[in-house]
């Protein structure tokens, strides 16, 4: 998907070092090899989306689908949302314009929760 010179795609093995740098900005230093290993582990309840602008990775969003036994419908959990320090205030994390791409129906929940940690 392209939006205003920004490409959104699924993360893949080989993105570990770049994702590691973004996670470090969030306060979670994780070696790139570990990130690549986790990307190689299939998880149908997880999507890792990266944003690229002009060929550079400038953001990541990690989204998990949760289906608590006692609740319906499913929930979404955003465990990480990072915009590279050099790309902040440039519109990368802004909501899509009205009439933009619609979310896929049925696969992901209607509600989402997220949390953050204090800056490291």
C-alpha atoms as a PDB file:
ATOM      1  CA  UNK A   1       0.000   0.000   0.000  1.00  0.00           C
ATOM      2  CA  UNK A   2       1.330   3.484  -0.884  1.00  0.00           C
ATOM      3  CA  UNK A   3       0.272   6.703   0.783  1.00  0.00           C
ATOM      4  CA  UNK A   4       1.967  10.080   0.196  1.00  0.00           C
ATOM      5  CA  UNK A   5       5.362   8.670  -0.862  1.00  0.00           C
ATOM      6  CA  UNK A   6       5.206   6.167   1.990  1.00  0.00           C
ATOM      7  CA  UNK A   7       4.978   2.421   1.420  1.00  0.00           C
ATOM      8  CA  UNK A   8       3.451   0.116   4.032  1.00  0.00           C
ATOM      9  CA  UNK A   9       4.426  -3.545   3.814  1.00  0.00           C
ATOM     10  CA  UNK A  10       4.707  -6.646   5.960  1.00  0.00           C
ATOM     11  CA  UNK A  11       8.050  -7.005   7.705  1.00  0.00           C
ATOM     12  CA  UNK A  12      10.187  -9.902   6.548  1.00  0.00           C
ATOM     13  CA  UNK A  13      13.325 -11.740   7.572  1.00  0.00           C
ATOM     14  CA  UNK A  14      16.242  -9.474   6.897  1.00  0.00           C
ATOM     15  CA  UNK A  15      14.498  -6.425   8.412  1.00  0.00           C
ATOM     16  CA  UNK A  16      15.798  -7.279  11.891  1.00  0.00           C
ATOM     17  CA  UNK A  17      18.627  -4.736  12.108  1.00  0.00           C
ATOM     18  CA  UNK A  18      16.403  -1.843  11.006  1.00  0.00           C
ATOM     19  CA  UNK A  19      13.566  -2.917  13.301  1.00  0.00           C
ATOM     20  CA  UNK A  20      16.068  -3.278  16.139  1.00  0.00           C
ATOM     21  CA  UNK A  21      17.055   0.371  15.713  1.00  0.00           C
ATOM     22  CA  UNK A  22      13.394   1.435  15.900  1.00  0.00           C
ATOM     23  CA  UNK A  23      12.744  -0.740  18.979  1.00  0.00           C
ATOM     24  CA  UNK A  24      15.788   0.828  20.661  1.00  0.00           C
ATOM     25  CA  UNK A  25      14.234   4.288  20.109  1.00  0.00           C
ATOM     26  CA  UNK A  26      11.137   2.973  21.901  1.00  0.00           C
ATOM     27  CA  UNK A  27      13.279   1.814  24.830  1.00  0.00           C
ATOM     28  CA  UNK A  28      13.431  -1.898  23.987  1.00  0.00           C
ATOM     29  CA  UNK A  29      16.903  -2.696  22.649  1.00  0.00           C
ATOM     30  CA  UNK A  30      16.642  -6.083  20.925  1.00  0.00           C
ATOM     31  CA  UNK A  31      19.428  -7.541  18.773  1.00  0.00           C
ATOM     32  CA  UNK A  32      18.600  -7.655  15.074  1.00  0.00           C
ATOM     33  CA  UNK A  33      19.272 -11.400  14.915  1.00  0.00           C
ATOM     34  CA  UNK A  34      16.605 -11.996  17.560  1.00  0.00           C
ATOM     35  CA  UNK A  35      14.133  -9.841  15.652  1.00  0.00           C
ATOM     36  CA  UNK A  36      14.851 -11.741  12.423  1.00  0.00           C
ATOM     37  CA  UNK A  37      14.345 -15.022  14.279  1.00  0.00           C
ATOM     38  CA  UNK A  38      10.981 -13.881  15.605  1.00  0.00           C
ATOM     39  CA  UNK A  39       9.933 -12.702  12.145  1.00  0.00           C
ATOM     40  CA  UNK A  40      10.662 -16.226  10.922  1.00  0.00           C
ATOM     41  CA  UNK A  41       8.285 -17.777  13.469  1.00  0.00           C
ATOM     42  CA  UNK A  42       4.809 -17.986  11.922  1.00  0.00           C
ATOM     43  CA  UNK A  43       2.086 -16.394  14.043  1.00  0.00           C
ATOM     44  CA  UNK A  44      -1.313 -15.969  12.370  1.00  0.00           C
ATOM     45  CA  UNK A  45      -2.419 -13.651  15.204  1.00  0.00           C
ATOM     46  CA  UNK A  46       0.397 -11.143  14.576  1.00  0.00           C
ATOM     47  CA  UNK A  47       1.154  -8.644  11.839  1.00  0.00           C
ATOM     48  CA  UNK A  48       4.312  -6.567  11.726  1.00  0.00           C
ATOM     49  CA  UNK A  49       3.893  -3.643   9.348  1.00  0.00           C
ATOM     50  CA  UNK A  50       6.725  -1.339   8.345  1.00  0.00           C
ATOM     51  CA  UNK A  51       6.571   2.085   6.752  1.00  0.00           C
ATOM     52  CA  UNK A  52       9.194   3.058   4.202  1.00  0.00           C
ATOM     53  CA  UNK A  53       9.757   6.484   2.734  1.00  0.00           C
ATOM     54  CA  UNK A  54      12.255   7.058  -0.073  1.00  0.00           C
ATOM     55  CA  UNK A  55      13.683   3.577   0.511  1.00  0.00           C
ATOM     56  CA  UNK A  56      14.268   4.050   4.252  1.00  0.00           C
ATOM     57  CA  UNK A  57      12.375   2.282   7.027  1.00  0.00           C
ATOM     58  CA  UNK A  58      10.718   5.040   9.056  1.00  0.00           C
ATOM     59  CA  UNK A  59       8.175   3.197  11.176  1.00  0.00           C
ATOM     60  CA  UNK A  60       6.810  -0.062  12.509  1.00  0.00           C
ATOM     61  CA  UNK A  61       3.471  -1.183  13.930  1.00  0.00           C
ATOM     62  CA  UNK A  62       3.032  -4.568  15.604  1.00  0.00           C
ATOM     63  CA  UNK A  63      -0.562  -5.718  15.829  1.00  0.00           C
ATOM     64  CA  UNK A  64      -1.856  -8.814  17.660  1.00  0.00           C
ATOM     65  CA  UNK A  65      -5.312 -10.363  17.400  1.00  0.00           C
ATOM     66  CA  UNK A  66      -6.676 -11.532  20.750  1.00  0.00           C
ATOM     67  CA  UNK A  67      -9.769 -13.614  21.296  1.00  0.00           C
ATOM     68  CA  UNK A  68     -10.498 -13.737  25.032  1.00  0.00           C
ATOM     69  CA  UNK A  69     -12.650 -16.729  25.874  1.00  0.00           C
ATOM     70  CA  UNK A  70     -15.089 -14.610  27.864  1.00  0.00           C
ATOM     71  CA  UNK A  71     -15.548 -11.792  25.309  1.00  0.00           C
ATOM     72  CA  UNK A  72     -16.679 -11.320  21.759  1.00  0.00           C
ATOM     73  CA  UNK A  73     -15.698  -9.970  19.315  1.00  0.00           C
ATOM     74  CA  UNK A  74     -11.924 -10.298  19.100  1.00  0.00           C
ATOM     75  CA  UNK A  75      -9.640  -7.484  20.258  1.00  0.00           C
ATOM     76  CA  UNK A  76      -6.609  -5.980  18.677  1.00  0.00           C
ATOM     77  CA  UNK A  77      -3.502  -5.177  20.676  1.00  0.00           C
ATOM     78  CA  UNK A  78      -0.878  -2.779  19.376  1.00  0.00           C
ATOM     79  CA  UNK A  79       2.299  -3.820  21.154  1.00  0.00           C
ATOM     80  CA  UNK A  80       4.605  -1.417  19.334  1.00  0.00           C
ATOM     81  CA  UNK A  81       4.195   1.699  17.229  1.00  0.00           C
ATOM     82  CA  UNK A  82       7.423   3.518  16.470  1.00  0.00           C
ATOM     83  CA  UNK A  83       8.128   6.391  14.090  1.00  0.00           C
ATOM     84  CA  UNK A  84      11.836   6.984  13.514  1.00  0.00           C
ATOM     85  CA  UNK A  85      13.079  10.067  15.366  1.00  0.00           C
ATOM     86  CA  UNK A  86      14.202  11.635  12.082  1.00  0.00           C
ATOM     87  CA  UNK A  87      10.761  11.185  10.491  1.00  0.00           C
ATOM     88  CA  UNK A  88       8.568  12.431  13.349  1.00  0.00           C
ATOM     89  CA  UNK A  89       6.272  15.396  12.684  1.00  0.00           C
ATOM     90  CA  UNK A  90       6.348  14.475   9.010  1.00  0.00           C
ATOM     91  CA  UNK A  91       2.902  12.879   8.819  1.00  0.00           C
ATOM     92  CA  UNK A  92       4.040   9.230   8.907  1.00  0.00           C
ATOM     93  CA  UNK A  93       1.862   8.302  11.908  1.00  0.00           C
ATOM     94  CA  UNK A  94      -1.136  10.416  10.924  1.00  0.00           C
ATOM     95  CA  UNK A  95      -4.502   8.723  10.351  1.00  0.00           C
ATOM     96  CA  UNK A  96      -5.290   7.961   6.693  1.00  0.00           C
ATOM     97  CA  UNK A  97      -7.425  10.502   4.845  1.00  0.00           C
ATOM     98  CA  UNK A  98     -11.156   9.888   4.605  1.00  0.00           C
ATOM     99  CA  UNK A  99     -11.970   7.491   1.806  1.00  0.00           C
ATOM    100  CA  UNK A 100      -8.597   5.764   2.101  1.00  0.00           C
ATOM    101  CA  UNK A 101      -8.057   2.036   2.132  1.00  0.00           C
ATOM    102  CA  UNK A 102     -10.595   0.165   4.222  1.00  0.00           C
ATOM    103  CA  UNK A 103      -9.338  -2.376   6.798  1.00  0.00           C
ATOM    104  CA  UNK A 104      -9.746  -6.019   5.899  1.00  0.00           C
ATOM    105  CA  UNK A 105     -13.003  -7.300   7.290  1.00  0.00           C
ATOM    106  CA  UNK A 106     -13.193 -10.477   9.318  1.00  0.00           C
ATOM    107  CA  UNK A 107      -9.473 -10.967   9.969  1.00  0.00           C
ATOM    108  CA  UNK A 108      -8.851  -8.197  12.478  1.00  0.00           C
ATOM    109  CA  UNK A 109     -10.996  -6.939  15.355  1.00  0.00           C
ATOM    110  CA  UNK A 110     -13.091  -3.814  15.620  1.00  0.00           C
ATOM    111  CA  UNK A 111     -11.411  -2.531  18.800  1.00  0.00           C
ATOM    112  CA  UNK A 112      -7.800  -2.136  19.766  1.00  0.00           C
ATOM    113  CA  UNK A 113      -5.909  -1.495  22.968  1.00  0.00           C
ATOM    114  CA  UNK A 114      -2.341  -0.339  23.368  1.00  0.00           C
ATOM    115  CA  UNK A 115       0.070   0.565  26.117  1.00  0.00           C
ATOM    116  CA  UNK A 116       3.322   2.430  26.421  1.00  0.00           C
ATOM    117  CA  UNK A 117       6.253   2.440  28.745  1.00  0.00           C
ATOM    118  CA  UNK A 118       8.099   5.366  30.243  1.00  0.00           C
ATOM    119  CA  UNK A 119      11.018   6.595  28.176  1.00  0.00           C
ATOM    120  CA  UNK A 120      14.207   4.712  28.945  1.00  0.00           C
END
